[in-house]
Full PDB file with SEQRES, HELIX, SHEET, SSBOND, CRYST1, ORIGX, SCALE, CONECT and MASTER records, all heavy atoms in Angstrom:
SEQRES   1 A   42  TRP SER GLY GLY SER THR TYR TYR ALA ASP SER VAL LYS          
SEQRES   2 A   42  GLY ARG PHE THR ILE SER ARG ASP ASN ALA LYS ASN THR          
SEQRES   3 A   42  VAL TYR LEU GLN MET ASN SER LEU LYS PRO GLU ASP THR          
SEQRES   4 A   42  ALA VAL TYR                                                  
HELIX    1 AA1 PRO A   36  ASP A   38  5                                   3    
SHEET    1 AA1 2 PHE A  16  ASP A  21  0                                        
SHEET    2 AA1 2 THR A  26  MET A  31 -1                                        
CRYST1    1.000    1.000    1.000  90.00  90.00  90.00 P 1           1          
ORIGX1      1.000000  0.000000  0.000000        0.00000                         
ORIGX2      0.000000  1.000000  0.000000        0.00000                         
ORIGX3      0.000000  0.000000  1.000000        0.00000                         
SCALE1      1.000000  0.000000  0.000000        0.00000                         
SCALE2      0.000000  1.000000  0.000000        0.00000                         
SCALE3      0.000000  0.000000  1.000000        0.00000                         
ATOM      1  N   TRP A   1     -51.123  42.852 -63.389  1.00  0.00           N  
ATOM      2  CA  TRP A   1     -50.934  43.859 -62.342  1.00  0.00           C  
ATOM      3  C   TRP A   1     -50.307  43.409 -61.097  1.00  0.00           C  
ATOM      4  O   TRP A   1     -49.572  44.096 -60.482  1.00  0.00           O  
ATOM      5  CB  TRP A   1     -52.323  44.377 -61.948  1.00  0.00           C  
ATOM      6  CG  TRP A   1     -53.191  43.301 -61.385  1.00  0.00           C  
ATOM      7  CD1 TRP A   1     -54.024  42.354 -61.942  1.00  0.00           C  
ATOM      8  CD2 TRP A   1     -53.328  43.001 -59.890  1.00  0.00           C  
ATOM      9  NE1 TRP A   1     -54.612  41.474 -61.031  1.00  0.00           N  
ATOM     10  CE2 TRP A   1     -54.215  41.977 -59.784  1.00  0.00           C  
ATOM     11  CE3 TRP A   1     -52.810  43.565 -58.806  1.00  0.00           C  
ATOM     12  CZ2 TRP A   1     -54.516  41.398 -58.564  1.00  0.00           C  
ATOM     13  CZ3 TRP A   1     -53.093  43.024 -57.606  1.00  0.00           C  
ATOM     14  CH2 TRP A   1     -54.012  41.938 -57.413  1.00  0.00           C  
ATOM     15  N   SER A   2     -50.406  42.065 -60.802  1.00  0.00           N  
ATOM     16  CA  SER A   2     -49.777  41.435 -59.563  1.00  0.00           C  
ATOM     17  C   SER A   2     -48.406  41.028 -59.885  1.00  0.00           C  
ATOM     18  O   SER A   2     -47.636  40.728 -58.948  1.00  0.00           O  
ATOM     19  CB  SER A   2     -50.616  40.343 -59.049  1.00  0.00           C  
ATOM     20  OG  SER A   2     -50.574  39.253 -60.023  1.00  0.00           O  
ATOM     21  N   GLY A   3     -48.030  40.841 -61.074  1.00  0.00           N  
ATOM     22  CA  GLY A   3     -46.777  40.167 -61.428  1.00  0.00           C  
ATOM     23  C   GLY A   3     -46.845  38.654 -61.502  1.00  0.00           C  
ATOM     24  O   GLY A   3     -45.907  37.999 -61.846  1.00  0.00           O  
ATOM     25  N   GLY A   4     -47.994  38.166 -61.223  1.00  0.00           N  
ATOM     26  CA  GLY A   4     -48.167  36.754 -61.193  1.00  0.00           C  
ATOM     27  C   GLY A   4     -48.288  36.025 -62.551  1.00  0.00           C  
ATOM     28  O   GLY A   4     -48.043  34.824 -62.598  1.00  0.00           O  
ATOM     29  N   SER A   5     -48.543  36.808 -63.515  1.00  0.00           N  
ATOM     30  CA  SER A   5     -48.627  36.277 -64.893  1.00  0.00           C  
ATOM     31  C   SER A   5     -47.721  37.088 -65.793  1.00  0.00           C  
ATOM     32  O   SER A   5     -47.741  38.337 -65.812  1.00  0.00           O  
ATOM     33  CB  SER A   5     -50.089  36.364 -65.405  1.00  0.00           C  
ATOM     34  OG  SER A   5     -50.934  35.474 -64.625  1.00  0.00           O  
ATOM     35  N   THR A   6     -46.954  36.381 -66.617  1.00  0.00           N  
ATOM     36  CA  THR A   6     -45.991  37.023 -67.563  1.00  0.00           C  
ATOM     37  C   THR A   6     -46.106  36.256 -68.859  1.00  0.00           C  
ATOM     38  O   THR A   6     -46.418  35.093 -68.941  1.00  0.00           O  
ATOM     39  CB  THR A   6     -44.562  36.993 -67.181  1.00  0.00           C  
ATOM     40  OG1 THR A   6     -44.124  35.594 -66.907  1.00  0.00           O  
ATOM     41  CG2 THR A   6     -44.339  37.788 -65.791  1.00  0.00           C  
ATOM     42  N   TYR A   7     -45.950  37.052 -69.940  1.00  0.00           N  
ATOM     43  CA  TYR A   7     -46.083  36.523 -71.352  1.00  0.00           C  
ATOM     44  C   TYR A   7     -45.036  37.076 -72.214  1.00  0.00           C  
ATOM     45  O   TYR A   7     -44.616  38.215 -71.963  1.00  0.00           O  
ATOM     46  CB  TYR A   7     -47.545  36.919 -71.931  1.00  0.00           C  
ATOM     47  CG  TYR A   7     -48.653  36.633 -71.049  1.00  0.00           C  
ATOM     48  CD1 TYR A   7     -49.118  37.638 -70.072  1.00  0.00           C  
ATOM     49  CD2 TYR A   7     -49.292  35.440 -71.032  1.00  0.00           C  
ATOM     50  CE1 TYR A   7     -50.183  37.292 -69.227  1.00  0.00           C  
ATOM     51  CE2 TYR A   7     -50.376  35.100 -70.218  1.00  0.00           C  
ATOM     52  CZ  TYR A   7     -50.808  36.075 -69.276  1.00  0.00           C  
ATOM     53  OH  TYR A   7     -51.898  35.767 -68.489  1.00  0.00           O  
ATOM     54  N   TYR A   8     -44.554  36.273 -73.175  1.00  0.00           N  
ATOM     55  CA  TYR A   8     -43.445  36.669 -73.909  1.00  0.00           C  
ATOM     56  C   TYR A   8     -43.717  36.266 -75.429  1.00  0.00           C  
ATOM     57  O   TYR A   8     -44.263  35.244 -75.717  1.00  0.00           O  
ATOM     58  CB  TYR A   8     -42.144  35.958 -73.490  1.00  0.00           C  
ATOM     59  CG  TYR A   8     -41.740  36.291 -72.094  1.00  0.00           C  
ATOM     60  CD1 TYR A   8     -42.165  35.471 -70.993  1.00  0.00           C  
ATOM     61  CD2 TYR A   8     -40.912  37.406 -71.826  1.00  0.00           C  
ATOM     62  CE1 TYR A   8     -41.791  35.767 -69.714  1.00  0.00           C  
ATOM     63  CE2 TYR A   8     -40.639  37.667 -70.511  1.00  0.00           C  
ATOM     64  CZ  TYR A   8     -41.014  36.849 -69.536  1.00  0.00           C  
ATOM     65  OH  TYR A   8     -40.721  37.292 -68.168  1.00  0.00           O  
ATOM     66  N   ALA A   9     -43.080  37.086 -76.297  1.00  0.00           N  
ATOM     67  CA  ALA A   9     -43.006  36.757 -77.724  1.00  0.00           C  
ATOM     68  C   ALA A   9     -42.092  35.679 -77.870  1.00  0.00           C  
ATOM     69  O   ALA A   9     -41.186  35.513 -77.119  1.00  0.00           O  
ATOM     70  CB  ALA A   9     -42.661  38.016 -78.579  1.00  0.00           C  
ATOM     71  N   ASP A  10     -42.342  34.833 -78.873  1.00  0.00           N  
ATOM     72  CA  ASP A  10     -41.484  33.723 -79.130  1.00  0.00           C  
ATOM     73  C   ASP A  10     -40.029  34.072 -79.309  1.00  0.00           C  
ATOM     74  O   ASP A  10     -39.115  33.325 -79.018  1.00  0.00           O  
ATOM     75  CB  ASP A  10     -42.000  32.791 -80.264  1.00  0.00           C  
ATOM     76  CG  ASP A  10     -43.325  32.043 -79.920  1.00  0.00           C  
ATOM     77  OD1 ASP A  10     -43.592  31.843 -78.718  1.00  0.00           O  
ATOM     78  OD2 ASP A  10     -44.002  31.644 -80.914  1.00  0.00           O  
ATOM     79  N   SER A  11     -39.860  35.122 -80.007  1.00  0.00           N  
ATOM     80  CA  SER A  11     -38.524  35.689 -80.402  1.00  0.00           C  
ATOM     81  C   SER A  11     -37.629  35.961 -79.144  1.00  0.00           C  
ATOM     82  O   SER A  11     -36.399  36.112 -79.279  1.00  0.00           O  
ATOM     83  CB  SER A  11     -38.616  36.888 -81.241  1.00  0.00           C  
ATOM     84  OG  SER A  11     -39.353  37.918 -80.579  1.00  0.00           O  
ATOM     85  N   VAL A  12     -38.277  36.223 -77.905  1.00  0.00           N  
ATOM     86  CA  VAL A  12     -37.501  36.610 -76.819  1.00  0.00           C  
ATOM     87  C   VAL A  12     -37.651  35.615 -75.698  1.00  0.00           C  
ATOM     88  O   VAL A  12     -36.915  35.766 -74.658  1.00  0.00           O  
ATOM     89  CB  VAL A  12     -37.874  37.999 -76.293  1.00  0.00           C  
ATOM     90  CG1 VAL A  12     -37.773  38.999 -77.420  1.00  0.00           C  
ATOM     91  CG2 VAL A  12     -39.281  38.106 -75.658  1.00  0.00           C  
ATOM     92  N   LYS A  13     -38.525  34.776 -75.778  1.00  0.00           N  
ATOM     93  CA  LYS A  13     -38.726  33.753 -74.713  1.00  0.00           C  
ATOM     94  C   LYS A  13     -37.462  33.022 -74.411  1.00  0.00           C  
ATOM     95  O   LYS A  13     -36.760  32.551 -75.201  1.00  0.00           O  
ATOM     96  CB  LYS A  13     -39.877  32.677 -75.127  1.00  0.00           C  
ATOM     97  CG  LYS A  13     -40.393  31.922 -74.025  1.00  0.00           C  
ATOM     98  CD  LYS A  13     -41.702  31.084 -74.559  1.00  0.00           C  
ATOM     99  CE  LYS A  13     -42.787  32.032 -75.119  1.00  0.00           C  
ATOM    100  NZ  LYS A  13     -43.891  31.249 -75.587  1.00  0.00           N  
ATOM    101  N   GLY A  14     -37.186  32.873 -73.055  1.00  0.00           N  
ATOM    102  CA  GLY A  14     -35.960  32.244 -72.615  1.00  0.00           C  
ATOM    103  C   GLY A  14     -34.789  33.126 -72.420  1.00  0.00           C  
ATOM    104  O   GLY A  14     -33.753  32.849 -71.840  1.00  0.00           O  
ATOM    105  N   ARG A  15     -34.851  34.350 -73.052  1.00  0.00           N  
ATOM    106  CA  ARG A  15     -33.786  35.327 -73.021  1.00  0.00           C  
ATOM    107  C   ARG A  15     -34.131  36.580 -72.268  1.00  0.00           C  
ATOM    108  O   ARG A  15     -33.312  37.208 -71.605  1.00  0.00           O  
ATOM    109  CB  ARG A  15     -33.435  35.687 -74.498  1.00  0.00           C  
ATOM    110  CG  ARG A  15     -32.862  34.565 -75.229  1.00  0.00           C  
ATOM    111  CD  ARG A  15     -32.282  35.104 -76.585  1.00  0.00           C  
ATOM    112  NE  ARG A  15     -33.229  35.826 -77.475  1.00  0.00           N  
ATOM    113  CZ  ARG A  15     -33.180  37.041 -77.871  1.00  0.00           C  
ATOM    114  NH1 ARG A  15     -32.070  37.772 -77.561  1.00  0.00           N  
ATOM    115  NH2 ARG A  15     -34.102  37.579 -78.604  1.00  0.00           N  
ATOM    116  N   PHE A  16     -35.430  37.005 -72.315  1.00  0.00           N  
ATOM    117  CA  PHE A  16     -35.853  38.252 -71.600  1.00  0.00           C  
ATOM    118  C   PHE A  16     -36.778  37.839 -70.533  1.00  0.00           C  
ATOM    119  O   PHE A  16     -37.448  36.779 -70.532  1.00  0.00           O  
ATOM    120  CB  PHE A  16     -36.769  39.012 -72.618  1.00  0.00           C  
ATOM    121  CG  PHE A  16     -35.966  39.738 -73.749  1.00  0.00           C  
ATOM    122  CD1 PHE A  16     -34.606  39.392 -74.006  1.00  0.00           C  
ATOM    123  CD2 PHE A  16     -36.513  40.684 -74.562  1.00  0.00           C  
ATOM    124  CE1 PHE A  16     -33.893  39.990 -75.017  1.00  0.00           C  
ATOM    125  CE2 PHE A  16     -35.896  41.374 -75.498  1.00  0.00           C  
ATOM    126  CZ  PHE A  16     -34.547  40.967 -75.765  1.00  0.00           C  
ATOM    127  N   THR A  17     -36.720  38.695 -69.495  1.00  0.00           N  
ATOM    128  CA  THR A  17     -37.584  38.455 -68.273  1.00  0.00           C  
ATOM    129  C   THR A  17     -38.228  39.749 -67.857  1.00  0.00           C  
ATOM    130  O   THR A  17     -37.486  40.772 -67.705  1.00  0.00           O  
ATOM    131  CB  THR A  17     -36.784  37.901 -67.039  1.00  0.00           C  
ATOM    132  OG1 THR A  17     -36.129  36.600 -67.450  1.00  0.00           O  
ATOM    133  CG2 THR A  17     -37.711  37.684 -65.855  1.00  0.00           C  
ATOM    134  N   ILE A  18     -39.561  39.780 -67.843  1.00  0.00           N  
ATOM    135  CA  ILE A  18     -40.254  40.917 -67.356  1.00  0.00           C  
ATOM    136  C   ILE A  18     -40.612  40.753 -65.894  1.00  0.00           C  
ATOM    137  O   ILE A  18     -40.939  39.735 -65.387  1.00  0.00           O  
ATOM    138  CB  ILE A  18     -41.529  41.238 -68.252  1.00  0.00           C  
ATOM    139  CG1 ILE A  18     -42.061  42.475 -67.883  1.00  0.00           C  
ATOM    140  CG2 ILE A  18     -42.538  40.002 -68.089  1.00  0.00           C  
ATOM    141  CD1 ILE A  18     -43.158  42.962 -68.898  1.00  0.00           C  
ATOM    142  N   SER A  19     -40.393  41.925 -65.150  1.00  0.00           N  
ATOM    143  CA  SER A  19     -40.768  41.825 -63.708  1.00  0.00           C  
ATOM    144  C   SER A  19     -41.222  43.215 -63.239  1.00  0.00           C  
ATOM    145  O   SER A  19     -41.200  44.158 -64.047  1.00  0.00           O  
ATOM    146  CB  SER A  19     -39.489  41.405 -62.889  1.00  0.00           C  
ATOM    147  OG  SER A  19     -38.511  42.327 -62.994  1.00  0.00           O  
ATOM    148  N   ARG A  20     -41.713  43.333 -62.044  1.00  0.00           N  
ATOM    149  CA  ARG A  20     -42.200  44.622 -61.547  1.00  0.00           C  
ATOM    150  C   ARG A  20     -41.983  44.759 -60.091  1.00  0.00           C  
ATOM    151  O   ARG A  20     -41.998  43.715 -59.271  1.00  0.00           O  
ATOM    152  CB  ARG A  20     -43.687  44.884 -61.865  1.00  0.00           C  
ATOM    153  CG  ARG A  20     -44.691  43.953 -61.223  1.00  0.00           C  
ATOM    154  CD  ARG A  20     -46.078  44.072 -61.808  1.00  0.00           C  
ATOM    155  NE  ARG A  20     -46.654  45.438 -61.638  1.00  0.00           N  
ATOM    156  CZ  ARG A  20     -47.576  45.857 -62.365  1.00  0.00           C  
ATOM    157  NH1 ARG A  20     -48.088  45.197 -63.403  1.00  0.00           N  
ATOM    158  NH2 ARG A  20     -48.102  47.083 -62.137  1.00  0.00           N  
ATOM    159  N   ASP A  21     -41.875  45.941 -59.666  1.00  0.00           N  
ATOM    160  CA  ASP A  21     -41.759  46.316 -58.252  1.00  0.00           C  
ATOM    161  C   ASP A  21     -42.759  47.344 -57.939  1.00  0.00           C  
ATOM    162  O   ASP A  21     -42.607  48.548 -58.318  1.00  0.00           O  
ATOM    163  CB  ASP A  21     -40.351  46.761 -57.924  1.00  0.00           C  
ATOM    164  CG  ASP A  21     -40.073  47.107 -56.476  1.00  0.00           C  
ATOM    165  OD1 ASP A  21     -41.106  47.275 -55.692  1.00  0.00           O  
ATOM    166  OD2 ASP A  21     -38.904  47.141 -55.995  1.00  0.00           O  
ATOM    167  N   ASN A  22     -43.902  46.943 -57.433  1.00  0.00           N  
ATOM    168  CA  ASN A  22     -44.992  47.946 -57.233  1.00  0.00           C  
ATOM    169  C   ASN A  22     -44.670  48.916 -56.184  1.00  0.00           C  
ATOM    170  O   ASN A  22     -45.253  50.062 -56.223  1.00  0.00           O  
ATOM    171  CB  ASN A  22     -46.297  47.138 -56.843  1.00  0.00           C  
ATOM    172  CG  ASN A  22     -46.851  46.383 -58.117  1.00  0.00           C  
ATOM    173  OD1 ASN A  22     -46.472  46.742 -59.246  1.00  0.00           O  
ATOM    174  ND2 ASN A  22     -47.832  45.493 -57.841  1.00  0.00           N  
ATOM    175  N   ALA A  23     -43.801  48.673 -55.260  1.00  0.00           N  
ATOM    176  CA  ALA A  23     -43.360  49.645 -54.326  1.00  0.00           C  
ATOM    177  C   ALA A  23     -42.590  50.781 -54.959  1.00  0.00           C  
ATOM    178  O   ALA A  23     -42.535  51.986 -54.461  1.00  0.00           O  
ATOM    179  CB  ALA A  23     -42.597  49.003 -53.199  1.00  0.00           C  
ATOM    180  N   LYS A  24     -41.938  50.452 -56.030  1.00  0.00           N  
ATOM    181  CA  LYS A  24     -41.151  51.486 -56.726  1.00  0.00           C  
ATOM    182  C   LYS A  24     -41.791  52.006 -57.975  1.00  0.00           C  
ATOM    183  O   LYS A  24     -41.261  52.734 -58.793  1.00  0.00           O  
ATOM    184  CB  LYS A  24     -39.809  50.949 -57.118  1.00  0.00           C  
ATOM    185  CG  LYS A  24     -38.936  50.601 -55.851  1.00  0.00           C  
ATOM    186  CD  LYS A  24     -37.494  50.189 -56.344  1.00  0.00           C  
ATOM    187  CE  LYS A  24     -36.675  49.834 -55.145  1.00  0.00           C  
ATOM    188  NZ  LYS A  24     -35.321  49.319 -55.513  1.00  0.00           N  
ATOM    189  N   ASN A  25     -43.045  51.536 -58.289  1.00  0.00           N  
ATOM    190  CA  ASN A  25     -43.795  51.922 -59.459  1.00  0.00           C  
ATOM    191  C   ASN A  25     -42.993  51.696 -60.718  1.00  0.00           C  
ATOM    192  O   ASN A  25     -42.974  52.513 -61.675  1.00  0.00           O  
ATOM    193  CB  ASN A  25     -44.271  53.383 -59.427  1.00  0.00           C  
ATOM    194  CG  ASN A  25     -45.457  53.627 -58.523  1.00  0.00           C  
ATOM    195  OD1 ASN A  25     -45.771  52.753 -57.742  1.00  0.00           O  
ATOM    196  ND2 ASN A  25     -46.178  54.653 -58.743  1.00  0.00           N  
ATOM    197  N   THR A  26     -42.332  50.591 -60.861  1.00  0.00           N  
ATOM    198  CA  THR A  26     -41.357  50.301 -61.899  1.00  0.00           C  
ATOM    199  C   THR A  26     -41.512  48.897 -62.399  1.00  0.00           C  
ATOM    200  O   THR A  26     -41.717  47.951 -61.695  1.00  0.00           O  
ATOM    201  CB  THR A  26     -39.970  50.584 -61.437  1.00  0.00           C  
ATOM    202  OG1 THR A  26     -39.685  51.908 -60.969  1.00  0.00           O  
ATOM    203  CG2 THR A  26     -38.995  50.369 -62.542  1.00  0.00           C  
ATOM    204  N   VAL A  27     -41.444  48.848 -63.717  1.00  0.00           N  
ATOM    205  CA  VAL A  27     -41.420  47.519 -64.448  1.00  0.00           C  
ATOM    206  C   VAL A  27     -40.083  47.421 -65.128  1.00  0.00           C  
ATOM    207  O   VAL A  27     -39.576  48.375 -65.710  1.00  0.00           O  
ATOM    208  CB  VAL A  27     -42.549  47.327 -65.447  1.00  0.00           C  
ATOM    209  CG1 VAL A  27     -42.396  46.205 -66.316  1.00  0.00           C  
ATOM    210  CG2 VAL A  27     -43.928  47.416 -64.813  1.00  0.00           C  
ATOM    211  N   TYR A  28     -39.505  46.260 -65.104  1.00  0.00           N  
ATOM    212  CA  TYR A  28     -38.178  45.980 -65.697  1.00  0.00           C  
ATOM    213  C   TYR A  28     -38.393  44.933 -66.812  1.00  0.00           C  
ATOM    214  O   TYR A  28     -39.231  44.121 -66.863  1.00  0.00           O  
ATOM    215  CB  TYR A  28     -37.235  45.372 -64.623  1.00  0.00           C  
ATOM    216  CG  TYR A  28     -37.165  46.208 -63.366  1.00  0.00           C  
ATOM    217  CD1 TYR A  28     -37.893  45.991 -62.174  1.00  0.00           C  
ATOM    218  CD2 TYR A  28     -36.309  47.323 -63.356  1.00  0.00           C  
ATOM    219  CE1 TYR A  28     -37.763  46.727 -61.132  1.00  0.00           C  
ATOM    220  CE2 TYR A  28     -36.262  48.125 -62.217  1.00  0.00           C  
ATOM    221  CZ  TYR A  28     -36.868  47.856 -61.106  1.00  0.00           C  
ATOM    222  OH  TYR A  28     -36.817  48.643 -59.951  1.00  0.00           O  
ATOM    223  N   LEU A  29     -37.278  45.045 -67.740  1.00  0.00           N  
ATOM    224  CA  LEU A  29     -37.085  44.044 -68.763  1.00  0.00           C  
ATOM    225  C   LEU A  29     -35.706  43.692 -68.810  1.00  0.00           C  
ATOM    226  O   LEU A  29     -34.852  44.391 -69.249  1.00  0.00           O  
ATOM    227  CB  LEU A  29     -37.586  44.634 -70.061  1.00  0.00           C  
ATOM    228  CG  LEU A  29     -37.606  43.562 -71.285  1.00  0.00           C  
ATOM    229  CD1 LEU A  29     -38.655  42.593 -71.005  1.00  0.00           C  
ATOM    230  CD2 LEU A  29     -37.780  44.193 -72.639  1.00  0.00           C  
ATOM    231  N   GLN A  30     -35.340  42.510 -68.219  1.00  0.00           N  
ATOM    232  CA  GLN A  30     -34.007  41.989 -68.249  1.00  0.00           C  
ATOM    233  C   GLN A  30     -33.836  41.304 -69.527  1.00  0.00           C  
ATOM    234  O   GLN A  30     -34.473  40.368 -69.811  1.00  0.00           O  
ATOM    235  CB  GLN A  30     -33.825  41.096 -67.081  1.00  0.00           C  
ATOM    236  CG  GLN A  30     -32.453  40.444 -67.061  1.00  0.00           C  
ATOM    237  CD  GLN A  30     -31.327  41.433 -66.779  1.00  0.00           C  
ATOM    238  OE1 GLN A  30     -31.459  42.350 -65.823  1.00  0.00           O  
ATOM    239  NE2 GLN A  30     -30.217  41.334 -67.474  1.00  0.00           N  
ATOM    240  N   MET A  31     -32.779  41.742 -70.252  1.00  0.00           N  
ATOM    241  CA  MET A  31     -32.551  41.254 -71.601  1.00  0.00           C  
ATOM    242  C   MET A  31     -31.158  40.527 -71.598  1.00  0.00           C  
ATOM    243  O   MET A  31     -30.140  41.183 -71.363  1.00  0.00           O  
ATOM    244  CB  MET A  31     -32.608  42.277 -72.691  1.00  0.00           C  
ATOM    245  CG  MET A  31     -33.981  43.098 -72.626  1.00  0.00           C  
ATOM    246  SD  MET A  31     -34.162  44.245 -74.057  1.00  0.00           S  
ATOM    247  CE  MET A  31     -32.748  45.329 -73.695  1.00  0.00           C  
ATOM    248  N   ASN A  32     -31.118  39.271 -71.793  1.00  0.00           N  
ATOM    249  CA  ASN A  32     -29.900  38.487 -71.922  1.00  0.00           C  
ATOM    250  C   ASN A  32     -29.682  37.877 -73.268  1.00  0.00           C  
ATOM    251  O   ASN A  32     -30.608  37.738 -74.061  1.00  0.00           O  
ATOM    252  CB  ASN A  32     -29.972  37.323 -70.738  1.00  0.00           C  
ATOM    253  CG  ASN A  32     -30.048  37.910 -69.315  1.00  0.00           C  
ATOM    254  OD1 ASN A  32     -29.532  38.930 -69.080  1.00  0.00           O  
ATOM    255  ND2 ASN A  32     -30.707  37.134 -68.534  1.00  0.00           N  
ATOM    256  N   SER A  33     -28.497  37.448 -73.435  1.00  0.00           N  
ATOM    257  CA  SER A  33     -28.122  36.817 -74.726  1.00  0.00           C  
ATOM    258  C   SER A  33     -28.654  37.601 -75.923  1.00  0.00           C  
ATOM    259  O   SER A  33     -29.235  37.110 -76.850  1.00  0.00           O  
ATOM    260  CB  SER A  33     -28.692  35.398 -74.854  1.00  0.00           C  
ATOM    261  OG  SER A  33     -28.301  34.600 -73.732  1.00  0.00           O  
ATOM    262  N   LEU A  34     -28.345  38.933 -75.848  1.00  0.00           N  
ATOM    263  CA  LEU A  34     -28.847  39.871 -76.867  1.00  0.00           C  
ATOM    264  C   LEU A  34     -28.248  39.562 -78.320  1.00  0.00           C  
ATOM    265  O   LEU A  34     -27.135  39.117 -78.366  1.00  0.00           O  
ATOM    266  CB  LEU A  34     -28.641  41.274 -76.497  1.00  0.00           C  
ATOM    267  CG  LEU A  34     -29.537  41.843 -75.377  1.00  0.00           C  
ATOM    268  CD1 LEU A  34     -28.932  43.052 -74.744  1.00  0.00           C  
ATOM    269  CD2 LEU A  34     -30.858  42.110 -76.020  1.00  0.00           C  
ATOM    270  N   LYS A  35     -29.049  39.726 -79.281  1.00  0.00           N  
ATOM    271  CA  LYS A  35     -28.723  39.475 -80.702  1.00  0.00           C  
ATOM    272  C   LYS A  35     -28.849  40.781 -81.499  1.00  0.00           C  
ATOM    273  O   LYS A  35     -29.639  41.644 -81.066  1.00  0.00           O  
ATOM    274  CB  LYS A  35     -29.698  38.441 -81.248  1.00  0.00           C  
ATOM    275  CG  LYS A  35     -29.795  37.081 -80.559  1.00  0.00           C  
ATOM    276  CD  LYS A  35     -30.864  36.180 -81.174  1.00  0.00           C  
ATOM    277  CE  LYS A  35     -30.928  34.872 -80.388  1.00  0.00           C  
ATOM    278  NZ  LYS A  35     -31.969  34.032 -80.953  1.00  0.00           N  
ATOM    279  N   PRO A  36     -28.193  40.890 -82.515  1.00  0.00           N  
ATOM    280  CA  PRO A  36     -28.267  42.140 -83.307  1.00  0.00           C  
ATOM    281  C   PRO A  36     -29.712  42.415 -83.791  1.00  0.00           C  
ATOM    282  O   PRO A  36     -30.138  43.585 -83.897  1.00  0.00           O  
ATOM    283  CB  PRO A  36     -27.459  41.790 -84.654  1.00  0.00           C  
ATOM    284  CG  PRO A  36     -26.386  40.947 -84.037  1.00  0.00           C  
ATOM    285  CD  PRO A  36     -27.057  40.058 -83.072  1.00  0.00           C  
ATOM    286  N   GLU A  37     -30.490  41.383 -83.946  1.00  0.00           N  
ATOM    287  CA  GLU A  37     -31.883  41.551 -84.309  1.00  0.00           C  
ATOM    288  C   GLU A  37     -32.761  42.065 -83.214  1.00  0.00           C  
ATOM    289  O   GLU A  37     -33.987  42.345 -83.406  1.00  0.00           O  
ATOM    290  CB  GLU A  37     -32.546  40.287 -84.853  1.00  0.00           C  
ATOM    291  CG  GLU A  37     -32.293  39.056 -84.062  1.00  0.00           C  
ATOM    292  CD  GLU A  37     -31.187  38.184 -84.464  1.00  0.00           C  
ATOM    293  OE1 GLU A  37     -30.099  38.751 -84.788  1.00  0.00           O  
ATOM    294  OE2 GLU A  37     -31.396  37.005 -84.517  1.00  0.00           O  
ATOM    295  N   ASP A  38     -32.242  42.210 -81.965  1.00  0.00           N  
ATOM    296  CA  ASP A  38     -32.932  42.835 -80.906  1.00  0.00           C  
ATOM    297  C   ASP A  38     -32.813  44.323 -80.972  1.00  0.00           C  
ATOM    298  O   ASP A  38     -33.419  45.018 -80.160  1.00  0.00           O  
ATOM    299  CB  ASP A  38     -32.504  42.283 -79.553  1.00  0.00           C  
ATOM    300  CG  ASP A  38     -32.676  40.843 -79.356  1.00  0.00           C  
ATOM    301  OD1 ASP A  38     -33.906  40.395 -79.605  1.00  0.00           O  
ATOM    302  OD2 ASP A  38     -31.799  40.155 -78.842  1.00  0.00           O  
ATOM    303  N   THR A  39     -31.969  44.844 -81.909  1.00  0.00           N  
ATOM    304  CA  THR A  39     -31.919  46.290 -81.965  1.00  0.00           C  
ATOM    305  C   THR A  39     -33.237  46.948 -82.326  1.00  0.00           C  
ATOM    306  O   THR A  39     -33.821  46.539 -83.358  1.00  0.00           O  
ATOM    307  CB  THR A  39     -30.769  46.622 -83.063  1.00  0.00           C  
ATOM    308  OG1 THR A  39     -29.486  46.085 -82.656  1.00  0.00           O  
ATOM    309  CG2 THR A  39     -30.679  48.070 -83.309  1.00  0.00           C  
ATOM    310  N   ALA A  40     -33.564  47.936 -81.543  1.00  0.00           N  
ATOM    311  CA  ALA A  40     -34.905  48.598 -81.659  1.00  0.00           C  
ATOM    312  C   ALA A  40     -34.983  49.698 -80.601  1.00  0.00           C  
ATOM    313  O   ALA A  40     -34.186  49.779 -79.630  1.00  0.00           O  
ATOM    314  CB  ALA A  40     -35.966  47.601 -81.577  1.00  0.00           C  
ATOM    315  N   VAL A  41     -36.020  50.546 -80.816  1.00  0.00           N  
ATOM    316  CA  VAL A  41     -36.448  51.393 -79.742  1.00  0.00           C  
ATOM    317  C   VAL A  41     -37.532  50.545 -78.938  1.00  0.00           C  
ATOM    318  O   VAL A  41     -38.459  49.994 -79.490  1.00  0.00           O  
ATOM    319  CB  VAL A  41     -37.049  52.618 -80.289  1.00  0.00           C  
ATOM    320  CG1 VAL A  41     -37.654  53.537 -79.103  1.00  0.00           C  
ATOM    321  CG2 VAL A  41     -36.191  53.456 -81.096  1.00  0.00           C  
ATOM    322  N   TYR A  42     -37.276  50.534 -77.615  1.00  0.00           N  
ATOM    323  CA  TYR A  42     -38.141  49.750 -76.777  1.00  0.00           C  
ATOM    324  C   TYR A  42     -39.081  50.731 -76.003  1.00  0.00           C  
ATOM    325  O   TYR A  42     -38.660  51.730 -75.405  1.00  0.00           O  
ATOM    326  CB  TYR A  42     -37.348  48.959 -75.758  1.00  0.00           C  
ATOM    327  CG  TYR A  42     -36.629  47.774 -76.413  1.00  0.00           C  
ATOM    328  CD1 TYR A  42     -35.695  47.832 -77.263  1.00  0.00           C  
ATOM    329  CD2 TYR A  42     -37.179  46.487 -76.075  1.00  0.00           C  
ATOM    330  CE1 TYR A  42     -35.119  46.724 -77.919  1.00  0.00           C  
ATOM    331  CE2 TYR A  42     -36.580  45.344 -76.674  1.00  0.00           C  
ATOM    332  CZ  TYR A  42     -35.591  45.464 -77.552  1.00  0.00           C  
ATOM    333  OH  TYR A  42     -35.113  44.319 -78.201  1.00  0.00           O  
TER     334      TYR A  42                                                      
MASTER        0    0    0    1    2    0    0    6  333    1    0    4          
END                                                                             
């Protein structure tokens, strides 16, 4: 809830970053170094 703790699946660790802006009521998922196996509905 605070953004102070984040957790990642091993398959995305080091490539994806989750963050939040509570003032905007929004959570983000920054996805870098994307691979074909990342293809999915999120």
